[in-house]
Amino acid sequence: MKFWNLRLSGCSNNMRVVRYLRVSRLDQNVQLQQDATADLIERRGWQLADSYIDQGVSGARARRPELNRLLADAKRGRFELLVVYRSDRLFRSIKHMVTTLDDLTVMGVGFASVTEPFDTSTPSGKLLLHMVAAMAEFERSLLIERTKAGVEAAVRRGKKVGRPRVKVDVDRALELRAEGRTYVEVAAELGVGVATLHRAMKSTGSVQP
């Protein structure tokens, strides 16, 4: 887990700031987000360098055209702070929030939300984001521990753990090979991987050149 140690407490008026706006449907508009982010940027005395707007794009989508452009510009060092109206306009989940903010931090980019206390340009906002990251890491650790405990309990009860072995019809495979079919074709016919087919045939001494 990384922490957002950004040198942004002394935000100057010449700071290059961008904003990300998104609505899920084409019949919606981003006017509210535009007005609210513009107001915050003006009150802080920041300079708006660009706006990235994904119109009619679901937040569940991993790839969004304008978000991709934003991240590419961040890598090029074209701005120092990213402003959103609300964090769910940008992030799909807490995990996505933590990983994205980690990536932005590496690129020297801060983050601020208009309607939430997430703001790496202030000590309190930075602290809150540290807490969010810590909770996300804690939740991940608990999940790993629960999964491990469940596996150990299953083993103690005598249950087999792991994916079941794929059954291969070796007799049918031999028939297909006798017809001149390649291993790739045979594997496709039987619905298994080529490596799985080889292992099954090798275990019965049926591997053919």
N, C-alpha and C. Protein backbone atom coordinates (compact mmCIF):
# COMPACT_ATOMS: atom_id res chain seq x y z
N MET A 1 0.85 -1.20 0.00
CA MET A 1 0.00 0.00 0.00
C MET A 1 0.88 1.24 0.00
N LYS A 2 0.56 2.17 -0.84
CA LYS A 2 1.30 3.41 -0.92
C LYS A 2 0.53 4.52 -0.23
N PHE A 3 1.26 5.59 0.15
CA PHE A 3 0.61 6.75 0.72
C PHE A 3 0.86 7.95 -0.17
N TRP A 4 -0.09 8.86 -0.16
CA TRP A 4 -0.05 9.97 -1.10
C TRP A 4 0.72 11.15 -0.50
N ASN A 5 2.04 11.08 -0.55
CA ASN A 5 2.88 12.14 0.00
C ASN A 5 3.14 13.19 -1.07
N LEU A 6 2.12 13.96 -1.37
CA LEU A 6 2.22 14.96 -2.44
C LEU A 6 2.56 16.31 -1.85
N ARG A 7 3.44 17.03 -2.49
CA ARG A 7 3.83 18.35 -2.02
C ARG A 7 2.87 19.39 -2.60
N LEU A 8 1.62 19.38 -2.09
CA LEU A 8 0.61 20.25 -2.66
C LEU A 8 -0.01 21.19 -1.63
N SER A 9 0.56 21.21 -0.41
CA SER A 9 -0.05 22.03 0.63
C SER A 9 0.03 23.52 0.30
N GLY A 10 1.03 23.90 -0.44
CA GLY A 10 1.13 25.30 -0.81
C GLY A 10 0.65 25.51 -2.22
N CYS A 11 -0.60 25.21 -2.49
CA CYS A 11 -1.15 25.27 -3.85
C CYS A 11 -1.07 26.69 -4.39
N SER A 12 -0.34 26.87 -5.45
CA SER A 12 -0.17 28.20 -6.03
C SER A 12 -1.20 28.44 -7.11
N ASN A 13 -1.35 29.71 -7.48
CA ASN A 13 -2.35 30.08 -8.47
C ASN A 13 -1.98 29.58 -9.87
N ASN A 14 -0.72 29.23 -10.07
CA ASN A 14 -0.33 28.76 -11.39
C ASN A 14 -0.35 27.24 -11.48
N MET A 15 -0.95 26.58 -10.50
CA MET A 15 -1.06 25.12 -10.55
C MET A 15 -1.92 24.71 -11.74
N ARG A 16 -1.42 23.74 -12.48
CA ARG A 16 -2.16 23.22 -13.63
C ARG A 16 -3.16 22.18 -13.14
N VAL A 17 -4.44 22.49 -13.30
CA VAL A 17 -5.52 21.65 -12.79
C VAL A 17 -6.39 21.20 -13.96
N VAL A 18 -6.85 19.94 -13.89
CA VAL A 18 -7.81 19.44 -14.88
C VAL A 18 -9.00 18.87 -14.11
N ARG A 19 -10.09 18.63 -14.83
CA ARG A 19 -11.26 18.03 -14.20
C ARG A 19 -11.77 16.88 -15.06
N TYR A 20 -12.33 15.88 -14.38
CA TYR A 20 -12.93 14.74 -15.07
C TYR A 20 -14.42 14.73 -14.77
N LEU A 21 -15.22 14.70 -15.83
CA LEU A 21 -16.67 14.72 -15.71
C LEU A 21 -17.24 13.50 -16.44
N ARG A 22 -18.28 12.89 -15.85
CA ARG A 22 -18.87 11.72 -16.51
C ARG A 22 -20.35 11.59 -16.18
N VAL A 23 -21.13 11.23 -17.19
CA VAL A 23 -22.52 10.83 -16.99
C VAL A 23 -22.72 9.50 -17.70
N SER A 24 -23.63 8.67 -17.16
CA SER A 24 -23.79 7.31 -17.66
C SER A 24 -24.64 7.22 -18.92
N ARG A 25 -25.54 8.21 -19.12
CA ARG A 25 -26.45 8.14 -20.27
C ARG A 25 -26.26 9.35 -21.18
N LEU A 26 -26.54 9.11 -22.46
CA LEU A 26 -26.37 10.19 -23.44
C LEU A 26 -27.38 11.31 -23.24
N ASP A 27 -28.55 10.99 -22.62
CA ASP A 27 -29.55 12.03 -22.42
C ASP A 27 -29.31 12.84 -21.15
N GLN A 28 -28.23 12.54 -20.43
CA GLN A 28 -27.85 13.33 -19.27
C GLN A 28 -26.83 14.37 -19.68
N ASN A 29 -26.64 15.39 -18.85
CA ASN A 29 -25.62 16.37 -19.16
C ASN A 29 -24.73 16.60 -17.93
N VAL A 30 -23.58 17.18 -18.19
CA VAL A 30 -22.58 17.36 -17.14
C VAL A 30 -22.57 18.78 -16.59
N GLN A 31 -23.64 19.54 -16.82
CA GLN A 31 -23.66 20.94 -16.43
C GLN A 31 -23.41 21.14 -14.94
N LEU A 32 -24.09 20.32 -14.11
CA LEU A 32 -23.90 20.44 -12.66
C LEU A 32 -22.45 20.19 -12.29
N GLN A 33 -21.85 19.16 -12.85
CA GLN A 33 -20.45 18.86 -12.56
C GLN A 33 -19.53 19.97 -13.05
N GLN A 34 -19.85 20.52 -14.22
CA GLN A 34 -19.04 21.62 -14.76
C GLN A 34 -19.08 22.84 -13.84
N ASP A 35 -20.29 23.20 -13.42
CA ASP A 35 -20.44 24.40 -12.59
C ASP A 35 -19.75 24.23 -11.23
N ALA A 36 -19.94 23.05 -10.61
CA ALA A 36 -19.39 22.83 -9.28
C ALA A 36 -17.87 22.76 -9.31
N THR A 37 -17.31 22.09 -10.29
CA THR A 37 -15.85 22.01 -10.37
C THR A 37 -15.25 23.36 -10.73
N ALA A 38 -15.92 24.10 -11.60
CA ALA A 38 -15.43 25.43 -11.97
C ALA A 38 -15.42 26.35 -10.76
N ASP A 39 -16.45 26.23 -9.91
CA ASP A 39 -16.52 27.07 -8.71
C ASP A 39 -15.37 26.76 -7.76
N LEU A 40 -15.10 25.47 -7.54
CA LEU A 40 -14.00 25.10 -6.65
C LEU A 40 -12.67 25.59 -7.19
N ILE A 41 -12.44 25.39 -8.47
CA ILE A 41 -11.18 25.80 -9.09
C ILE A 41 -10.99 27.31 -8.99
N GLU A 42 -12.09 28.06 -9.18
CA GLU A 42 -12.00 29.52 -9.08
C GLU A 42 -11.72 29.96 -7.65
N ARG A 43 -12.41 29.33 -6.69
CA ARG A 43 -12.22 29.71 -5.28
C ARG A 43 -10.80 29.42 -4.79
N ARG A 44 -10.21 28.35 -5.30
CA ARG A 44 -8.85 28.00 -4.90
C ARG A 44 -7.79 28.79 -5.68
N GLY A 45 -8.22 29.49 -6.69
CA GLY A 45 -7.27 30.26 -7.48
C GLY A 45 -6.42 29.41 -8.40
N TRP A 46 -6.93 28.24 -8.78
CA TRP A 46 -6.19 27.35 -9.66
C TRP A 46 -6.48 27.72 -11.12
N GLN A 47 -5.66 27.20 -12.01
CA GLN A 47 -5.83 27.44 -13.44
C GLN A 47 -6.28 26.16 -14.13
N LEU A 48 -7.45 26.20 -14.76
CA LEU A 48 -7.98 25.03 -15.44
C LEU A 48 -7.24 24.82 -16.75
N ALA A 49 -6.57 23.67 -16.87
CA ALA A 49 -5.78 23.38 -18.06
C ALA A 49 -6.58 22.58 -19.10
N ASP A 50 -7.50 21.73 -18.63
CA ASP A 50 -8.25 20.90 -19.58
C ASP A 50 -9.42 20.25 -18.86
N SER A 51 -10.40 19.80 -19.65
CA SER A 51 -11.55 19.06 -19.12
C SER A 51 -11.67 17.75 -19.90
N TYR A 52 -11.92 16.67 -19.18
CA TYR A 52 -12.08 15.35 -19.78
C TYR A 52 -13.51 14.88 -19.48
N ILE A 53 -14.30 14.69 -20.54
CA ILE A 53 -15.72 14.41 -20.36
C ILE A 53 -16.10 13.11 -21.05
N ASP A 54 -16.52 12.12 -20.27
CA ASP A 54 -17.04 10.87 -20.82
C ASP A 54 -18.57 10.95 -20.76
N GLN A 55 -19.17 11.13 -21.92
CA GLN A 55 -20.63 11.28 -22.04
C GLN A 55 -21.26 9.95 -22.39
N GLY A 56 -22.23 9.51 -21.57
CA GLY A 56 -22.91 8.26 -21.84
C GLY A 56 -22.02 7.04 -21.66
N VAL A 57 -21.14 7.09 -20.66
CA VAL A 57 -20.22 5.99 -20.40
C VAL A 57 -20.43 5.50 -18.97
N SER A 58 -20.71 4.22 -18.82
CA SER A 58 -20.94 3.65 -17.50
C SER A 58 -19.67 3.66 -16.66
N GLY A 59 -19.83 3.92 -15.38
CA GLY A 59 -18.68 3.90 -14.48
C GLY A 59 -18.12 2.52 -14.27
N ALA A 60 -18.90 1.48 -14.62
CA ALA A 60 -18.44 0.10 -14.45
C ALA A 60 -17.43 -0.30 -15.51
N ARG A 61 -17.36 0.47 -16.59
CA ARG A 61 -16.44 0.13 -17.66
C ARG A 61 -15.01 0.43 -17.26
N ALA A 62 -14.12 -0.54 -17.51
CA ALA A 62 -12.72 -0.36 -17.15
C ALA A 62 -12.03 0.65 -18.06
N ARG A 63 -12.45 0.70 -19.32
CA ARG A 63 -11.81 1.61 -20.28
C ARG A 63 -12.81 2.66 -20.73
N ARG A 64 -12.43 3.91 -20.56
CA ARG A 64 -13.25 5.03 -20.99
C ARG A 64 -12.36 5.96 -21.80
N PRO A 65 -12.82 6.42 -22.97
CA PRO A 65 -11.97 7.21 -23.86
C PRO A 65 -11.32 8.42 -23.19
N GLU A 66 -12.11 9.24 -22.52
CA GLU A 66 -11.56 10.46 -21.93
C GLU A 66 -10.72 10.17 -20.69
N LEU A 67 -11.09 9.15 -19.94
CA LEU A 67 -10.26 8.76 -18.79
C LEU A 67 -8.91 8.25 -19.27
N ASN A 68 -8.93 7.50 -20.36
CA ASN A 68 -7.67 7.02 -20.93
C ASN A 68 -6.79 8.19 -21.37
N ARG A 69 -7.43 9.20 -21.98
CA ARG A 69 -6.67 10.39 -22.41
C ARG A 69 -6.10 11.13 -21.21
N LEU A 70 -6.91 11.21 -20.15
CA LEU A 70 -6.48 11.88 -18.92
C LEU A 70 -5.24 11.20 -18.34
N LEU A 71 -5.28 9.88 -18.24
CA LEU A 71 -4.15 9.15 -17.66
C LEU A 71 -2.91 9.28 -18.53
N ALA A 72 -3.11 9.31 -19.84
CA ALA A 72 -1.98 9.49 -20.75
C ALA A 72 -1.35 10.87 -20.56
N ASP A 73 -2.18 11.89 -20.39
CA ASP A 73 -1.67 13.25 -20.16
C ASP A 73 -0.99 13.36 -18.80
N ALA A 74 -1.50 12.62 -17.82
CA ALA A 74 -0.87 12.62 -16.50
C ALA A 74 0.55 12.07 -16.59
N LYS A 75 0.72 11.01 -17.38
CA LYS A 75 2.05 10.43 -17.56
C LYS A 75 3.00 11.42 -18.21
N ARG A 76 2.45 12.31 -19.05
CA ARG A 76 3.27 13.30 -19.74
C ARG A 76 3.53 14.53 -18.87
N GLY A 77 2.97 14.54 -17.66
CA GLY A 77 3.18 15.65 -16.74
C GLY A 77 2.48 16.93 -17.13
N ARG A 78 1.31 16.81 -17.78
CA ARG A 78 0.62 17.99 -18.28
C ARG A 78 -0.24 18.70 -17.24
N PHE A 79 -0.41 18.10 -16.05
CA PHE A 79 -1.15 18.79 -14.99
C PHE A 79 -0.70 18.25 -13.64
N GLU A 80 -1.10 18.96 -12.59
CA GLU A 80 -0.64 18.63 -11.23
C GLU A 80 -1.76 18.21 -10.29
N LEU A 81 -3.00 18.48 -10.66
CA LEU A 81 -4.12 18.14 -9.77
C LEU A 81 -5.34 17.78 -10.61
N LEU A 82 -6.05 16.75 -10.17
CA LEU A 82 -7.26 16.29 -10.84
C LEU A 82 -8.46 16.59 -9.94
N VAL A 83 -9.47 17.24 -10.49
CA VAL A 83 -10.67 17.60 -9.74
C VAL A 83 -11.87 16.85 -10.31
N VAL A 84 -12.71 16.30 -9.42
CA VAL A 84 -13.96 15.66 -9.82
C VAL A 84 -15.09 16.22 -8.98
N TYR A 85 -16.31 16.07 -9.47
CA TYR A 85 -17.47 16.50 -8.70
C TYR A 85 -17.70 15.55 -7.53
N ARG A 86 -17.60 14.25 -7.82
CA ARG A 86 -17.76 13.21 -6.81
C ARG A 86 -16.91 12.02 -7.22
N SER A 87 -16.36 11.33 -6.25
CA SER A 87 -15.39 10.27 -6.56
C SER A 87 -15.97 9.16 -7.43
N ASP A 88 -17.29 8.88 -7.32
CA ASP A 88 -17.86 7.81 -8.14
C ASP A 88 -17.96 8.17 -9.62
N ARG A 89 -17.73 9.44 -9.96
CA ARG A 89 -17.66 9.82 -11.37
C ARG A 89 -16.39 9.25 -12.01
N LEU A 90 -15.37 9.02 -11.18
CA LEU A 90 -14.08 8.55 -11.68
C LEU A 90 -13.81 7.09 -11.33
N PHE A 91 -14.07 6.70 -10.08
CA PHE A 91 -13.67 5.38 -9.61
C PHE A 91 -14.82 4.38 -9.65
N ARG A 92 -14.50 3.11 -9.96
CA ARG A 92 -15.49 2.04 -10.00
C ARG A 92 -15.71 1.43 -8.62
N SER A 93 -14.69 1.48 -7.77
CA SER A 93 -14.74 0.84 -6.46
C SER A 93 -13.65 1.43 -5.58
N ILE A 94 -13.65 1.04 -4.30
CA ILE A 94 -12.60 1.50 -3.40
C ILE A 94 -11.24 1.01 -3.89
N LYS A 95 -11.22 -0.25 -4.35
CA LYS A 95 -9.96 -0.80 -4.86
C LYS A 95 -9.46 0.01 -6.04
N HIS A 96 -10.37 0.32 -6.97
CA HIS A 96 -9.99 1.12 -8.14
C HIS A 96 -9.52 2.50 -7.72
N MET A 97 -10.16 3.05 -6.71
CA MET A 97 -9.77 4.37 -6.19
C MET A 97 -8.34 4.35 -5.65
N VAL A 98 -8.04 3.35 -4.83
CA VAL A 98 -6.72 3.26 -4.23
C VAL A 98 -5.64 3.06 -5.29
N THR A 99 -5.87 2.13 -6.22
CA THR A 99 -4.85 1.86 -7.24
C THR A 99 -4.66 3.05 -8.18
N THR A 100 -5.76 3.72 -8.53
CA THR A 100 -5.66 4.87 -9.44
C THR A 100 -4.92 6.02 -8.76
N LEU A 101 -5.25 6.27 -7.49
CA LEU A 101 -4.57 7.34 -6.76
C LEU A 101 -3.09 7.02 -6.57
N ASP A 102 -2.77 5.75 -6.38
CA ASP A 102 -1.36 5.35 -6.31
C ASP A 102 -0.66 5.69 -7.61
N ASP A 103 -1.30 5.37 -8.73
CA ASP A 103 -0.71 5.64 -10.04
C ASP A 103 -0.53 7.15 -10.25
N LEU A 104 -1.54 7.92 -9.87
CA LEU A 104 -1.45 9.37 -10.04
C LEU A 104 -0.34 9.96 -9.17
N THR A 105 -0.19 9.41 -7.96
CA THR A 105 0.84 9.90 -7.05
C THR A 105 2.23 9.70 -7.66
N VAL A 106 2.45 8.54 -8.24
CA VAL A 106 3.73 8.26 -8.88
C VAL A 106 4.01 9.29 -9.97
N MET A 107 2.94 9.76 -10.62
CA MET A 107 3.09 10.75 -11.69
C MET A 107 3.07 12.19 -11.17
N GLY A 108 3.01 12.34 -9.83
CA GLY A 108 3.04 13.68 -9.24
C GLY A 108 1.74 14.44 -9.36
N VAL A 109 0.61 13.70 -9.42
CA VAL A 109 -0.70 14.33 -9.59
C VAL A 109 -1.53 14.16 -8.33
N GLY A 110 -2.14 15.26 -7.86
CA GLY A 110 -3.01 15.22 -6.70
C GLY A 110 -4.46 15.01 -7.09
N PHE A 111 -5.34 14.95 -6.10
CA PHE A 111 -6.75 14.65 -6.35
C PHE A 111 -7.63 15.45 -5.39
N ALA A 112 -8.75 15.96 -5.92
CA ALA A 112 -9.70 16.70 -5.09
C ALA A 112 -11.12 16.45 -5.56
N SER A 113 -12.02 16.24 -4.61
CA SER A 113 -13.44 16.04 -4.91
C SER A 113 -14.22 17.24 -4.39
N VAL A 114 -15.15 17.74 -5.20
CA VAL A 114 -15.95 18.90 -4.81
C VAL A 114 -16.87 18.58 -3.63
N THR A 115 -17.55 17.45 -3.68
CA THR A 115 -18.61 17.14 -2.71
C THR A 115 -18.16 16.24 -1.57
N GLU A 116 -16.89 15.85 -1.54
CA GLU A 116 -16.37 14.97 -0.50
C GLU A 116 -15.09 15.55 0.08
N PRO A 117 -14.69 15.12 1.26
CA PRO A 117 -13.48 15.67 1.88
C PRO A 117 -12.19 15.05 1.36
N PHE A 118 -12.23 14.44 0.16
CA PHE A 118 -11.02 13.90 -0.44
C PHE A 118 -10.29 15.04 -1.14
N ASP A 119 -9.12 15.39 -0.66
CA ASP A 119 -8.39 16.52 -1.23
C ASP A 119 -6.93 16.44 -0.79
N THR A 120 -6.07 15.99 -1.68
CA THR A 120 -4.66 15.85 -1.33
C THR A 120 -3.94 17.19 -1.24
N SER A 121 -4.64 18.27 -1.52
CA SER A 121 -4.01 19.59 -1.39
C SER A 121 -4.15 20.14 0.03
N THR A 122 -4.87 19.40 0.90
CA THR A 122 -5.02 19.81 2.29
C THR A 122 -4.57 18.67 3.21
N PRO A 123 -4.01 18.99 4.38
CA PRO A 123 -3.57 17.94 5.30
C PRO A 123 -4.69 17.00 5.72
N SER A 124 -5.88 17.53 6.01
CA SER A 124 -6.99 16.69 6.46
C SER A 124 -7.49 15.79 5.33
N GLY A 125 -7.55 16.32 4.12
CA GLY A 125 -7.99 15.52 2.98
C GLY A 125 -7.00 14.42 2.66
N LYS A 126 -5.71 14.73 2.79
CA LYS A 126 -4.68 13.73 2.55
C LYS A 126 -4.77 12.61 3.60
N LEU A 127 -5.01 13.01 4.86
CA LEU A 127 -5.14 12.02 5.93
C LEU A 127 -6.32 11.09 5.68
N LEU A 128 -7.44 11.65 5.23
CA LEU A 128 -8.62 10.82 4.98
C LEU A 128 -8.33 9.79 3.89
N LEU A 129 -7.63 10.18 2.86
CA LEU A 129 -7.30 9.25 1.79
C LEU A 129 -6.35 8.16 2.29
N HIS A 130 -5.45 8.53 3.21
CA HIS A 130 -4.59 7.51 3.82
C HIS A 130 -5.44 6.48 4.56
N MET A 131 -6.47 6.97 5.25
CA MET A 131 -7.34 6.06 5.99
C MET A 131 -8.12 5.14 5.05
N VAL A 132 -8.59 5.69 3.93
CA VAL A 132 -9.30 4.88 2.94
C VAL A 132 -8.38 3.79 2.41
N ALA A 133 -7.13 4.14 2.12
CA ALA A 133 -6.17 3.16 1.61
C ALA A 133 -5.90 2.09 2.66
N ALA A 134 -5.77 2.51 3.91
CA ALA A 134 -5.51 1.55 4.99
C ALA A 134 -6.68 0.59 5.16
N MET A 135 -7.91 1.10 5.08
CA MET A 135 -9.09 0.24 5.21
C MET A 135 -9.19 -0.73 4.04
N ALA A 136 -8.84 -0.27 2.85
CA ALA A 136 -8.87 -1.15 1.68
C ALA A 136 -7.85 -2.27 1.83
N GLU A 137 -6.67 -1.93 2.35
CA GLU A 137 -5.64 -2.93 2.58
C GLU A 137 -6.07 -3.91 3.67
N PHE A 138 -6.72 -3.38 4.71
CA PHE A 138 -7.21 -4.22 5.80
C PHE A 138 -8.27 -5.20 5.29
N GLU A 139 -9.18 -4.71 4.45
CA GLU A 139 -10.23 -5.56 3.89
C GLU A 139 -9.62 -6.65 3.02
N ARG A 140 -8.60 -6.30 2.26
CA ARG A 140 -7.94 -7.28 1.40
C ARG A 140 -7.26 -8.35 2.26
N SER A 141 -6.62 -7.94 3.35
CA SER A 141 -5.95 -8.90 4.23
C SER A 141 -6.95 -9.85 4.87
N LEU A 142 -8.10 -9.31 5.28
CA LEU A 142 -9.14 -10.16 5.87
C LEU A 142 -9.65 -11.19 4.86
N LEU A 143 -9.83 -10.75 3.62
CA LEU A 143 -10.31 -11.66 2.58
C LEU A 143 -9.31 -12.79 2.36
N ILE A 144 -8.03 -12.46 2.33
CA ILE A 144 -6.99 -13.48 2.14
C ILE A 144 -7.00 -14.46 3.31
N GLU A 145 -7.11 -13.91 4.53
CA GLU A 145 -7.13 -14.77 5.72
C GLU A 145 -8.35 -15.68 5.73
N ARG A 146 -9.52 -15.14 5.35
CA ARG A 146 -10.74 -15.96 5.33
C ARG A 146 -10.64 -17.06 4.28
N THR A 147 -10.08 -16.72 3.13
CA THR A 147 -9.91 -17.72 2.07
C THR A 147 -8.96 -18.82 2.51
N LYS A 148 -7.85 -18.42 3.12
CA LYS A 148 -6.87 -19.40 3.60
C LYS A 148 -7.46 -20.30 4.67
N ALA A 149 -8.22 -19.69 5.61
CA ALA A 149 -8.85 -20.47 6.68
C ALA A 149 -9.87 -21.45 6.10
N GLY A 150 -10.62 -21.03 5.09
CA GLY A 150 -11.60 -21.90 4.46
C GLY A 150 -10.96 -23.08 3.77
N VAL A 151 -9.84 -22.84 3.10
CA VAL A 151 -9.13 -23.92 2.42
C VAL A 151 -8.59 -24.92 3.44
N GLU A 152 -8.00 -24.40 4.53
CA GLU A 152 -7.45 -25.28 5.56
C GLU A 152 -8.55 -26.12 6.21
N ALA A 153 -9.71 -25.51 6.45
CA ALA A 153 -10.83 -26.24 7.05
C ALA A 153 -11.32 -27.34 6.10
N ALA A 154 -11.36 -27.04 4.81
CA ALA A 154 -11.81 -28.03 3.83
C ALA A 154 -10.84 -29.21 3.77
N VAL A 155 -9.55 -28.91 3.84
CA VAL A 155 -8.54 -29.98 3.81
C VAL A 155 -8.68 -30.87 5.04
N ARG A 156 -8.93 -30.25 6.20
CA ARG A 156 -9.09 -31.04 7.44
C ARG A 156 -10.30 -31.96 7.35
N ARG A 157 -11.32 -31.54 6.61
CA ARG A 157 -12.53 -32.37 6.46
C ARG A 157 -12.37 -33.41 5.36
N GLY A 158 -11.18 -33.42 4.74
CA GLY A 158 -10.91 -34.42 3.73
C GLY A 158 -11.36 -34.05 2.34
N LYS A 159 -11.75 -32.80 2.15
CA LYS A 159 -12.20 -32.38 0.82
C LYS A 159 -11.01 -32.03 -0.06
N LYS A 160 -11.14 -32.34 -1.33
CA LYS A 160 -10.11 -31.98 -2.28
C LYS A 160 -10.24 -30.51 -2.63
N VAL A 161 -9.12 -29.83 -2.62
CA VAL A 161 -9.11 -28.39 -2.88
C VAL A 161 -8.45 -28.12 -4.22
N GLY A 162 -9.00 -27.18 -4.95
CA GLY A 162 -8.44 -26.84 -6.25
C GLY A 162 -9.40 -27.19 -7.37
N ARG A 163 -9.02 -26.79 -8.54
CA ARG A 163 -9.88 -27.06 -9.69
C ARG A 163 -9.89 -28.56 -10.01
N PRO A 164 -11.05 -29.11 -10.35
CA PRO A 164 -11.11 -30.53 -10.68
C PRO A 164 -10.33 -30.82 -11.96
N ARG A 165 -9.77 -32.02 -12.03
CA ARG A 165 -9.02 -32.41 -13.22
C ARG A 165 -9.96 -32.52 -14.43
N VAL A 166 -9.46 -32.08 -15.55
CA VAL A 166 -10.24 -32.17 -16.79
C VAL A 166 -10.11 -33.60 -17.32
N LYS A 167 -11.25 -34.23 -17.58
CA LYS A 167 -11.23 -35.58 -18.11
C LYS A 167 -11.06 -35.54 -19.62
N VAL A 168 -10.15 -36.35 -20.11
CA VAL A 168 -9.87 -36.40 -21.55
C VAL A 168 -10.22 -37.79 -22.06
N ASP A 169 -10.98 -37.82 -23.12
CA ASP A 169 -11.34 -39.09 -23.75
C ASP A 169 -10.16 -39.52 -24.63
N VAL A 170 -9.24 -40.28 -24.02
CA VAL A 170 -8.01 -40.66 -24.72
C VAL A 170 -8.32 -41.56 -25.92
N ASP A 171 -9.29 -42.46 -25.76
CA ASP A 171 -9.65 -43.35 -26.87
C ASP A 171 -10.11 -42.55 -28.08
N ARG A 172 -10.94 -41.55 -27.83
CA ARG A 172 -11.42 -40.69 -28.93
C ARG A 172 -10.27 -39.90 -29.52
N ALA A 173 -9.35 -39.46 -28.66
CA ALA A 173 -8.19 -38.71 -29.13
C ALA A 173 -7.35 -39.56 -30.06
N LEU A 174 -7.18 -40.83 -29.71
CA LEU A 174 -6.41 -41.74 -30.55
C LEU A 174 -7.08 -41.96 -31.91
N GLU A 175 -8.40 -42.05 -31.88
CA GLU A 175 -9.14 -42.21 -33.13
C GLU A 175 -8.93 -41.02 -34.05
N LEU A 176 -9.01 -39.83 -33.47
CA LEU A 176 -8.84 -38.62 -34.26
C LEU A 176 -7.41 -38.50 -34.78
N ARG A 177 -6.44 -38.91 -33.96
CA ARG A 177 -5.05 -38.88 -34.42
C ARG A 177 -4.85 -39.86 -35.57
N ALA A 178 -5.52 -41.01 -35.48
CA ALA A 178 -5.41 -42.02 -36.54
C ALA A 178 -5.98 -41.50 -37.84
N GLU A 179 -6.92 -40.54 -37.75
CA GLU A 179 -7.50 -39.94 -38.95
C GLU A 179 -6.60 -38.86 -39.54
N GLY A 180 -5.47 -38.61 -38.87
CA GLY A 180 -4.53 -37.62 -39.38
C GLY A 180 -4.72 -36.23 -38.79
N ARG A 181 -5.55 -36.13 -37.76
CA ARG A 181 -5.79 -34.81 -37.14
C ARG A 181 -4.60 -34.41 -36.28
N THR A 182 -4.28 -33.13 -36.27
CA THR A 182 -3.18 -32.64 -35.43
C THR A 182 -3.62 -32.58 -33.98
N TYR A 183 -2.64 -32.42 -33.06
CA TYR A 183 -2.97 -32.32 -31.66
C TYR A 183 -3.83 -31.09 -31.38
N VAL A 184 -3.57 -30.01 -32.08
CA VAL A 184 -4.36 -28.79 -31.90
C VAL A 184 -5.82 -29.05 -32.30
N GLU A 185 -5.99 -29.75 -33.43
CA GLU A 185 -7.35 -30.06 -33.90
C GLU A 185 -8.06 -31.03 -32.95
N VAL A 186 -7.30 -32.01 -32.45
CA VAL A 186 -7.89 -32.98 -31.52
C VAL A 186 -8.31 -32.29 -30.23
N ALA A 187 -7.44 -31.43 -29.72
CA ALA A 187 -7.74 -30.71 -28.47
C ALA A 187 -8.99 -29.86 -28.64
N ALA A 188 -9.10 -29.19 -29.78
CA ALA A 188 -10.28 -28.36 -30.05
C ALA A 188 -11.54 -29.20 -30.13
N GLU A 189 -11.42 -30.37 -30.76
CA GLU A 189 -12.56 -31.28 -30.90
C GLU A 189 -13.05 -31.77 -29.54
N LEU A 190 -12.10 -32.04 -28.64
CA LEU A 190 -12.46 -32.56 -27.31
C LEU A 190 -12.74 -31.47 -26.29
N GLY A 191 -12.48 -30.22 -26.67
CA GLY A 191 -12.75 -29.11 -25.77
C GLY A 191 -11.77 -29.00 -24.62
N VAL A 192 -10.50 -29.33 -24.86
CA VAL A 192 -9.47 -29.24 -23.83
C VAL A 192 -8.27 -28.50 -24.40
N GLY A 193 -7.34 -28.15 -23.54
CA GLY A 193 -6.13 -27.52 -23.99
C GLY A 193 -5.16 -28.54 -24.57
N VAL A 194 -4.25 -28.07 -25.41
CA VAL A 194 -3.28 -28.98 -26.02
C VAL A 194 -2.39 -29.61 -24.95
N ALA A 195 -1.96 -28.80 -23.98
CA ALA A 195 -1.10 -29.32 -22.91
C ALA A 195 -1.83 -30.38 -22.09
N THR A 196 -3.12 -30.14 -21.83
CA THR A 196 -3.93 -31.11 -21.09
C THR A 196 -4.05 -32.42 -21.86
N LEU A 197 -4.25 -32.30 -23.17
CA LEU A 197 -4.35 -33.48 -24.02
C LEU A 197 -3.05 -34.28 -23.99
N HIS A 198 -1.92 -33.59 -24.10
CA HIS A 198 -0.62 -34.26 -24.07
C HIS A 198 -0.43 -35.00 -22.75
N ARG A 199 -0.76 -34.32 -21.63
CA ARG A 199 -0.58 -34.96 -20.32
C ARG A 199 -1.43 -36.22 -20.20
N ALA A 200 -2.67 -36.14 -20.65
CA ALA A 200 -3.57 -37.29 -20.55
C ALA A 200 -3.07 -38.46 -21.38
N MET A 201 -2.62 -38.17 -22.59
CA MET A 201 -2.14 -39.24 -23.46
C MET A 201 -0.81 -39.80 -22.97
N LYS A 202 0.02 -38.94 -22.40
CA LYS A 202 1.31 -39.40 -21.88
C LYS A 202 1.10 -40.33 -20.69
N SER A 203 0.09 -40.00 -19.86
CA SER A 203 -0.16 -40.82 -18.67
C SER A 203 -0.62 -42.22 -19.03
N THR A 204 -1.15 -42.40 -20.23
CA THR A 204 -1.59 -43.73 -20.68
C THR A 204 -0.62 -44.34 -21.69
N GLY A 205 0.49 -43.66 -21.90
CA GLY A 205 1.47 -44.15 -22.84
C GLY A 205 1.03 -44.07 -24.28
N SER A 206 0.14 -43.09 -24.57
CA SER A 206 -0.45 -43.02 -25.91
C SER A 206 0.03 -41.85 -26.74
N VAL A 207 1.07 -41.15 -26.28
CA VAL A 207 1.54 -40.00 -27.02
C VAL A 207 2.13 -40.48 -28.34
N GLN A 208 1.73 -39.81 -29.41
CA GLN A 208 2.22 -40.15 -30.74
C GLN A 208 2.94 -38.96 -31.33
N PRO A 209 3.90 -39.17 -32.20
CA PRO A 209 4.59 -38.05 -32.83
C PRO A 209 3.69 -37.25 -33.74
